[in-house]
PDB file of N, CA and C in Angstrom:
ATOM      1  N   UNK A   1     131.693  73.067 124.609  1.00  0.00           N
ATOM      2  CA  UNK A   1     131.530  74.364 123.979  1.00  0.00           C
ATOM      3  C   UNK A   1     132.361  74.400 122.700  1.00  0.00           C
ATOM      4  N   UNK A   2     131.749  74.848 121.645  1.00  0.00           N
ATOM      5  CA  UNK A   2     132.427  74.921 120.358  1.00  0.00           C
ATOM      6  C   UNK A   2     133.038  76.295 120.163  1.00  0.00           C
ATOM      7  N   UNK A   3     134.298  76.330 119.780  1.00  0.00           N
ATOM      8  CA  UNK A   3     134.974  77.598 119.484  1.00  0.00           C
ATOM      9  C   UNK A   3     135.005  77.783 117.976  1.00  0.00           C
ATOM     10  N   UNK A   4     134.586  78.950 117.532  1.00  0.00           N
ATOM     11  CA  UNK A   4     134.575  79.251 116.109  1.00  0.00           C
ATOM     12  C   UNK A   4     135.719  80.184 115.768  1.00  0.00           C
ATOM     13  N   UNK A   5     136.201  80.077 114.551  1.00  0.00           N
ATOM     14  CA  UNK A   5     137.279  80.943 114.085  1.00  0.00           C
ATOM     15  C   UNK A   5     136.770  82.372 113.961  1.00  0.00           C
ATOM     16  N   UNK A   6     137.647  83.315 114.217  1.00  0.00           N
ATOM     17  CA  UNK A   6     137.331  84.728 114.088  1.00  0.00           C
ATOM     18  C   UNK A   6     138.250  85.319 113.033  1.00  0.00           C
ATOM     19  N   UNK A   7     137.662  85.966 112.038  1.00  0.00           N
ATOM     20  CA  UNK A   7     138.429  86.557 110.946  1.00  0.00           C
ATOM     21  C   UNK A   7     138.183  88.062 110.888  1.00  0.00           C
ATOM     22  N   UNK A   8     138.928  88.846 111.660  1.00  0.00           N
ATOM     23  CA  UNK A   8     138.722  90.295 111.675  1.00  0.00           C
ATOM     24  C   UNK A   8     138.920  90.938 110.310  1.00  0.00           C
ATOM     25  N   UNK A   9     139.668  90.301 109.427  1.00  0.00           N
ATOM     26  CA  UNK A   9     139.906  90.869 108.098  1.00  0.00           C
ATOM     27  C   UNK A   9     138.628  90.902 107.250  1.00  0.00           C
ATOM     28  N   UNK A  10     137.580  90.188 107.656  1.00  0.00           N
ATOM     29  CA  UNK A  10     136.315  90.199 106.918  1.00  0.00           C
ATOM     30  C   UNK A  10     135.427  91.386 107.293  1.00  0.00           C
ATOM     31  N   UNK A  11     135.737  92.054 108.381  1.00  0.00           N
ATOM     32  CA  UNK A  11     134.934  93.184 108.851  1.00  0.00           C
ATOM     33  C   UNK A  11     134.789  94.239 107.755  1.00  0.00           C
ATOM     34  N   UNK A  12     133.536  94.491 107.356  1.00  0.00           N
ATOM     35  CA  UNK A  12     133.251  95.510 106.357  1.00  0.00           C
ATOM     36  C   UNK A  12     133.546  95.133 104.917  1.00  0.00           C
ATOM     37  N   UNK A  13     134.036  93.934 104.684  1.00  0.00           N
ATOM     38  CA  UNK A  13     134.363  93.495 103.317  1.00  0.00           C
ATOM     39  C   UNK A  13     133.116  92.987 102.619  1.00  0.00           C
ATOM     40  N   UNK A  14     132.982  93.243 101.314  1.00  0.00           N
ATOM     41  CA  UNK A  14     131.814  92.751 100.584  1.00  0.00           C
ATOM     42  C   UNK A  14     131.946  91.270 100.216  1.00  0.00           C
ATOM     43  N   UNK A  15     130.845  90.555 100.346  1.00  0.00           N
ATOM     44  CA  UNK A  15     130.780  89.139  99.994  1.00  0.00           C
ATOM     45  C   UNK A  15     129.486  88.924  99.212  1.00  0.00           C
ATOM     46  N   UNK A  16     129.551  88.199  98.101  1.00  0.00           N
ATOM     47  CA  UNK A  16     128.360  87.866  97.315  1.00  0.00           C
ATOM     48  C   UNK A  16     128.213  86.347  97.294  1.00  0.00           C
ATOM     49  N   UNK A  17     127.023  85.879  97.632  1.00  0.00           N
ATOM     50  CA  UNK A  17     126.760  84.444  97.698  1.00  0.00           C
ATOM     51  C   UNK A  17     125.524  84.129  96.858  1.00  0.00           C
ATOM     52  N   UNK A  18     125.652  83.155  95.968  1.00  0.00           N
ATOM     53  CA  UNK A  18     124.478  82.699  95.216  1.00  0.00           C
ATOM     54  C   UNK A  18     123.913  81.469  95.914  1.00  0.00           C
ATOM     55  N   UNK A  19     122.599  81.338  95.886  1.00  0.00           N
ATOM     56  CA  UNK A  19     121.956  80.217  96.570  1.00  0.00           C
ATOM     57  C   UNK A  19     121.981  80.384  98.073  1.00  0.00           C
ATOM     58  N   UNK A  20     121.893  81.622  98.541  1.00  0.00           N
ATOM     59  CA  UNK A  20     122.065  81.911  99.960  1.00  0.00           C
ATOM     60  C   UNK A  20     120.827  81.839 100.822  1.00  0.00           C
ATOM     61  N   UNK A  21     119.685  81.469 100.272  1.00  0.00           N
ATOM     62  CA  UNK A  21     118.455  81.485 101.059  1.00  0.00           C
ATOM     63  C   UNK A  21     118.256  80.247 101.925  1.00  0.00           C
ATOM     64  N   UNK A  22     118.934  79.150 101.607  1.00  0.00           N
ATOM     65  CA  UNK A  22     118.730  77.925 102.379  1.00  0.00           C
ATOM     66  C   UNK A  22     119.973  77.044 102.331  1.00  0.00           C
ATOM     67  N   UNK A  23     119.977  76.056 103.188  1.00  0.00           N
ATOM     68  CA  UNK A  23     121.051  75.066 103.192  1.00  0.00           C
ATOM     69  C   UNK A  23     122.427  75.641 103.448  1.00  0.00           C
ATOM     70  N   UNK A  24     123.406  75.118 102.721  1.00  0.00           N
ATOM     71  CA  UNK A  24     124.795  75.554 102.882  1.00  0.00           C
ATOM     72  C   UNK A  24     124.932  77.038 102.571  1.00  0.00           C
ATOM     73  N   UNK A  25     124.217  77.512 101.558  1.00  0.00           N
ATOM     74  CA  UNK A  25     124.278  78.929 101.205  1.00  0.00           C
ATOM     75  C   UNK A  25     123.838  79.818 102.355  1.00  0.00           C
ATOM     76  N   UNK A  26     122.748  79.452 103.027  1.00  0.00           N
ATOM     77  CA  UNK A  26     122.264  80.230 104.167  1.00  0.00           C
ATOM     78  C   UNK A  26     123.274  80.199 105.310  1.00  0.00           C
ATOM     79  N   UNK A  27     123.917  79.056 105.505  1.00  0.00           N
ATOM     80  CA  UNK A  27     124.957  78.964 106.534  1.00  0.00           C
ATOM     81  C   UNK A  27     126.116  79.893 106.215  1.00  0.00           C
ATOM     82  N   UNK A  28     126.488  79.970 104.937  1.00  0.00           N
ATOM     83  CA  UNK A  28     127.556  80.889 104.534  1.00  0.00           C
ATOM     84  C   UNK A  28     127.150  82.336 104.778  1.00  0.00           C
ATOM     85  N   UNK A  29     125.911  82.675 104.423  1.00  0.00           N
ATOM     86  CA  UNK A  29     125.419  84.034 104.663  1.00  0.00           C
ATOM     87  C   UNK A  29     125.507  84.361 106.151  1.00  0.00           C
ATOM     88  N   UNK A  30     125.021  83.461 106.992  1.00  0.00           N
ATOM     89  CA  UNK A  30     125.046  83.684 108.445  1.00  0.00           C
ATOM     90  C   UNK A  30     126.473  83.852 108.974  1.00  0.00           C
ATOM     91  N   UNK A  31     127.365  82.981 108.548  1.00  0.00           N
ATOM     92  CA  UNK A  31     128.729  83.019 109.070  1.00  0.00           C
ATOM     93  C   UNK A  31     129.500  84.252 108.604  1.00  0.00           C
ATOM     94  N   UNK A  32     129.388  84.607 107.317  1.00  0.00           N
ATOM     95  CA  UNK A  32     130.060  85.815 106.843  1.00  0.00           C
ATOM     96  C   UNK A  32     129.482  87.049 107.537  1.00  0.00           C
ATOM     97  N   UNK A  33     128.160  87.105 107.687  1.00  0.00           N
ATOM     98  CA  UNK A  33     127.537  88.233 108.383  1.00  0.00           C
ATOM     99  C   UNK A  33     128.007  88.289 109.831  1.00  0.00           C
ATOM    100  N   UNK A  34     128.148  87.129 110.451  1.00  0.00           N
ATOM    101  CA  UNK A  34     128.629  87.062 111.826  1.00  0.00           C
ATOM    102  C   UNK A  34     130.060  87.540 111.985  1.00  0.00           C
ATOM    103  N   UNK A  35     130.821  87.500 110.908  1.00  0.00           N
ATOM    104  CA  UNK A  35     132.205  87.984 110.923  1.00  0.00           C
ATOM    105  C   UNK A  35     132.272  89.480 110.596  1.00  0.00           C
ATOM    106  N   UNK A  36     131.102  90.085 110.343  1.00  0.00           N
ATOM    107  CA  UNK A  36     131.065  91.517 110.067  1.00  0.00           C
ATOM    108  C   UNK A  36     131.169  91.893 108.605  1.00  0.00           C
ATOM    109  N   UNK A  37     131.120  90.899 107.712  1.00  0.00           N
ATOM    110  CA  UNK A  37     131.172  91.197 106.279  1.00  0.00           C
ATOM    111  C   UNK A  37     129.848  91.815 105.833  1.00  0.00           C
ATOM    112  N   UNK A  38     129.906  92.589 104.756  1.00  0.00           N
ATOM    113  CA  UNK A  38     128.701  93.124 104.119  1.00  0.00           C
ATOM    114  C   UNK A  38     128.269  92.078 103.099  1.00  0.00           C
ATOM    115  N   UNK A  39     127.205  91.361 103.403  1.00  0.00           N
ATOM    116  CA  UNK A  39     126.812  90.207 102.597  1.00  0.00           C
ATOM    117  C   UNK A  39     125.649  90.541 101.667  1.00  0.00           C
ATOM    118  N   UNK A  40     125.850  90.268 100.396  1.00  0.00           N
ATOM    119  CA  UNK A  40     124.782  90.321  99.417  1.00  0.00           C
ATOM    120  C   UNK A  40     124.560  88.904  98.929  1.00  0.00           C
ATOM    121  N   UNK A  41     123.308  88.470  98.896  1.00  0.00           N
ATOM    122  CA  UNK A  41     123.062  87.120  98.409  1.00  0.00           C
ATOM    123  C   UNK A  41     121.843  87.078  97.511  1.00  0.00           C
ATOM    124  N   UNK A  42     121.863  86.118  96.606  1.00  0.00           N
ATOM    125  CA  UNK A  42     120.779  85.937  95.645  1.00  0.00           C
ATOM    126  C   UNK A  42     120.260  84.506  95.726  1.00  0.00           C
ATOM    127  N   UNK A  43     119.000  84.352  95.339  1.00  0.00           N
ATOM    128  CA  UNK A  43     118.403  83.018  95.322  1.00  0.00           C
ATOM    129  C   UNK A  43     117.077  83.105  94.577  1.00  0.00           C
ATOM    130  N   UNK A  44     116.598  81.968  94.095  1.00  0.00           N
ATOM    131  CA  UNK A  44     115.282  81.937  93.457  1.00  0.00           C
ATOM    132  C   UNK A  44     114.172  81.795  94.494  1.00  0.00           C
ATOM    133  N   UNK A  45     114.527  81.441  95.723  1.00  0.00           N
ATOM    134  CA  UNK A  45     113.552  81.283  96.805  1.00  0.00           C
ATOM    135  C   UNK A  45     113.336  82.639  97.484  1.00  0.00           C
ATOM    136  N   UNK A  46     112.398  83.410  96.961  1.00  0.00           N
ATOM    137  CA  UNK A  46     112.179  84.781  97.425  1.00  0.00           C
ATOM    138  C   UNK A  46     111.806  84.851  98.912  1.00  0.00           C
ATOM    139  N   UNK A  47     110.815  84.077  99.342  1.00  0.00           N
ATOM    140  CA  UNK A  47     110.348  84.170 100.726  1.00  0.00           C
ATOM    141  C   UNK A  47     111.441  83.813 101.721  1.00  0.00           C
ATOM    142  N   UNK A  48     112.182  82.742 101.447  1.00  0.00           N
ATOM    143  CA  UNK A  48     113.258  82.336 102.352  1.00  0.00           C
ATOM    144  C   UNK A  48     114.364  83.384 102.384  1.00  0.00           C
ATOM    145  N   UNK A  49     114.705  83.928 101.230  1.00  0.00           N
ATOM    146  CA  UNK A  49     115.750  84.943 101.163  1.00  0.00           C
ATOM    147  C   UNK A  49     115.371  86.206 101.904  1.00  0.00           C
ATOM    148  N   UNK A  50     114.142  86.661 101.707  1.00  0.00           N
ATOM    149  CA  UNK A  50     113.683  87.863 102.401  1.00  0.00           C
ATOM    150  C   UNK A  50     113.637  87.643 103.906  1.00  0.00           C
ATOM    151  N   UNK A  51     113.209  86.450 104.330  1.00  0.00           N
ATOM    152  CA  UNK A  51     113.141  86.141 105.760  1.00  0.00           C
ATOM    153  C   UNK A  51     114.532  86.124 106.385  1.00  0.00           C
ATOM    154  N   UNK A  52     115.493  85.517 105.707  1.00  0.00           N
ATOM    155  CA  UNK A  52     116.854  85.461 106.239  1.00  0.00           C
ATOM    156  C   UNK A  52     117.462  86.858 106.312  1.00  0.00           C
ATOM    157  N   UNK A  53     117.268  87.655 105.272  1.00  0.00           N
ATOM    158  CA  UNK A  53     117.802  89.019 105.270  1.00  0.00           C
ATOM    159  C   UNK A  53     117.182  89.842 106.393  1.00  0.00           C
ATOM    160  N   UNK A  54     115.878  89.692 106.621  1.00  0.00           N
ATOM    161  CA  UNK A  54     115.207  90.429 107.692  1.00  0.00           C
ATOM    162  C   UNK A  54     115.718  89.993 109.064  1.00  0.00           C
ATOM    163  N   UNK A  55     115.882  88.691 109.239  1.00  0.00           N
ATOM    164  CA  UNK A  55     116.372  88.153 110.519  1.00  0.00           C
ATOM    165  C   UNK A  55     117.768  88.684 110.846  1.00  0.00           C
ATOM    166  N   UNK A  56     118.668  88.593 109.877  1.00  0.00           N
ATOM    167  CA  UNK A  56     120.041  89.027 110.119  1.00  0.00           C
ATOM    168  C   UNK A  56     120.138  90.543 110.223  1.00  0.00           C
ATOM    169  N   UNK A  57     119.342  91.249 109.429  1.00  0.00           N
ATOM    170  CA  UNK A  57     119.323  92.706 109.515  1.00  0.00           C
ATOM    171  C   UNK A  57     118.847  93.177 110.877  1.00  0.00           C
ATOM    172  N   UNK A  58     117.830  92.510 111.430  1.00  0.00           N
ATOM    173  CA  UNK A  58     117.316  92.858 112.752  1.00  0.00           C
ATOM    174  C   UNK A  58     118.357  92.614 113.837  1.00  0.00           C
ATOM    175  N   UNK A  59     119.272  91.689 113.569  1.00  0.00           N
ATOM    176  CA  UNK A  59     120.340  91.383 114.522  1.00  0.00           C
ATOM    177  C   UNK A  59     121.539  92.317 114.352  1.00  0.00           C
ATOM    178  N   UNK A  60     121.437  93.260 113.392  1.00  0.00           N
ATOM    179  CA  UNK A  60     122.501  94.240 113.213  1.00  0.00           C
ATOM    180  C   UNK A  60     123.473  93.959 112.089  1.00  0.00           C
ATOM    181  N   UNK A  61     123.256  92.889 111.336  1.00  0.00           N
ATOM    182  CA  UNK A  61     124.161  92.558 110.230  1.00  0.00           C
ATOM    183  C   UNK A  61     123.838  93.418 109.008  1.00  0.00           C
ATOM    184  N   UNK A  62     124.844  93.625 108.170  1.00  0.00           N
ATOM    185  CA  UNK A  62     124.650  94.326 106.904  1.00  0.00           C
ATOM    186  C   UNK A  62     124.453  93.266 105.829  1.00  0.00           C
ATOM    187  N   UNK A  63     123.182  93.024 105.500  1.00  0.00           N
ATOM    188  CA  UNK A  63     122.822  91.945 104.586  1.00  0.00           C
ATOM    189  C   UNK A  63     121.819  92.466 103.564  1.00  0.00           C
ATOM    190  N   UNK A  64     122.001  92.049 102.324  1.00  0.00           N
ATOM    191  CA  UNK A  64     121.108  92.453 101.243  1.00  0.00           C
ATOM    192  C   UNK A  64     120.733  91.220 100.429  1.00  0.00           C
ATOM    193  N   UNK A  65     119.437  91.072 100.146  1.00  0.00           N
ATOM    194  CA  UNK A  65     118.957  89.943  99.351  1.00  0.00           C
ATOM    195  C   UNK A  65     118.376  90.437  98.040  1.00  0.00           C
ATOM    196  N   UNK A  66     118.643  89.720  96.956  1.00  0.00           N
ATOM    197  CA  UNK A  66     118.019  89.991  95.662  1.00  0.00           C
ATOM    198  C   UNK A  66     117.495  88.681  95.091  1.00  0.00           C
ATOM    199  N   UNK A  67     116.251  88.695  94.675  1.00  0.00           N
ATOM    200  CA  UNK A  67     115.653  87.519  94.054  1.00  0.00           C
ATOM    201  C   UNK A  67     116.134  87.432  92.616  1.00  0.00           C
ATOM    202  N   UNK A  68     116.721  86.321  92.237  1.00  0.00           N
ATOM    203  CA  UNK A  68     117.112  86.125  90.842  1.00  0.00           C
ATOM    204  C   UNK A  68     117.409  84.657  90.572  1.00  0.00           C
ATOM    205  N   UNK A  69     117.458  84.341  89.300  1.00  0.00           N
ATOM    206  CA  UNK A  69     117.798  83.002  88.824  1.00  0.00           C
ATOM    207  C   UNK A  69     119.190  83.099  88.206  1.00  0.00           C
ATOM    208  N   UNK A  70     120.181  82.488  88.834  1.00  0.00           N
ATOM    209  CA  UNK A  70     121.558  82.615  88.346  1.00  0.00           C
ATOM    210  C   UNK A  70     121.789  81.905  87.017  1.00  0.00           C
ATOM    211  N   UNK A  71     120.832  81.097  86.573  1.00  0.00           N
ATOM    212  CA  UNK A  71     120.985  80.489  85.248  1.00  0.00           C
ATOM    213  C   UNK A  71     120.622  81.477  84.139  1.00  0.00           C
ATOM    214  N   UNK A  72     120.024  82.606  84.518  1.00  0.00           N
ATOM    215  CA  UNK A  72     119.710  83.693  83.586  1.00  0.00           C
ATOM    216  C   UNK A  72     120.773  84.774  83.804  1.00  0.00           C
ATOM    217  N   UNK A  73     121.771  84.814  82.941  1.00  0.00           N
ATOM    218  CA  UNK A  73     122.926  85.699  83.122  1.00  0.00           C
ATOM    219  C   UNK A  73     122.515  87.158  83.276  1.00  0.00           C
ATOM    220  N   UNK A  74     121.594  87.628  82.458  1.00  0.00           N
ATOM    221  CA  UNK A  74     121.155  89.023  82.546  1.00  0.00           C
ATOM    222  C   UNK A  74     120.498  89.300  83.899  1.00  0.00           C
ATOM    223  N   UNK A  75     119.708  88.360  84.389  1.00  0.00           N
ATOM    224  CA  UNK A  75     119.054  88.502  85.687  1.00  0.00           C
ATOM    225  C   UNK A  75     120.096  88.569  86.800  1.00  0.00           C
ATOM    226  N   UNK A  76     121.094  87.703  86.734  1.00  0.00           N
ATOM    227  CA  UNK A  76     122.150  87.677  87.747  1.00  0.00           C
ATOM    228  C   UNK A  76     122.978  88.959  87.707  1.00  0.00           C
ATOM    229  N   UNK A  77     123.336  89.409  86.520  1.00  0.00           N
ATOM    230  CA  UNK A  77     124.115  90.644  86.401  1.00  0.00           C
ATOM    231  C   UNK A  77     123.341  91.828  86.963  1.00  0.00           C
ATOM    232  N   UNK A  78     122.053  91.886  86.702  1.00  0.00           N
ATOM    233  CA  UNK A  78     121.233  92.974  87.230  1.00  0.00           C
ATOM    234  C   UNK A  78     121.148  92.910  88.754  1.00  0.00           C
ATOM    235  N   UNK A  79     121.082  91.704  89.300  1.00  0.00           N
ATOM    236  CA  UNK A  79     120.959  91.542  90.750  1.00  0.00           C
ATOM    237  C   UNK A  79     122.210  91.977  91.492  1.00  0.00           C
ATOM    238  N   UNK A  80     123.371  91.758  90.906  1.00  0.00           N
ATOM    239  CA  UNK A  80     124.613  92.086  91.618  1.00  0.00           C
ATOM    240  C   UNK A  80     125.204  93.422  91.203  1.00  0.00           C
ATOM    241  N   UNK A  81     124.537  94.125  90.295  1.00  0.00           N
ATOM    242  CA  UNK A  81     125.051  95.428  89.835  1.00  0.00           C
ATOM    243  C   UNK A  81     124.933  96.487  90.909  1.00  0.00           C
TER     244      UNK A  81
END
């Protein structure tokens, strides 16, 4: 059985993750949400991002997804505003 760290200080804290729809980014989104953080994440992969946000939201997590390209500064600023 694997024991995971518990960080109560993350409860209700805002976290923003870029590239959160898949891979390591998605793992970060899941883990921060699992710690009770309010997670906002962005990615260019709209379908994957929306699916992950819906999955975690249905499980009771506070998660928000915005589709954007972080190489476009104006797009990224608008997404996290």
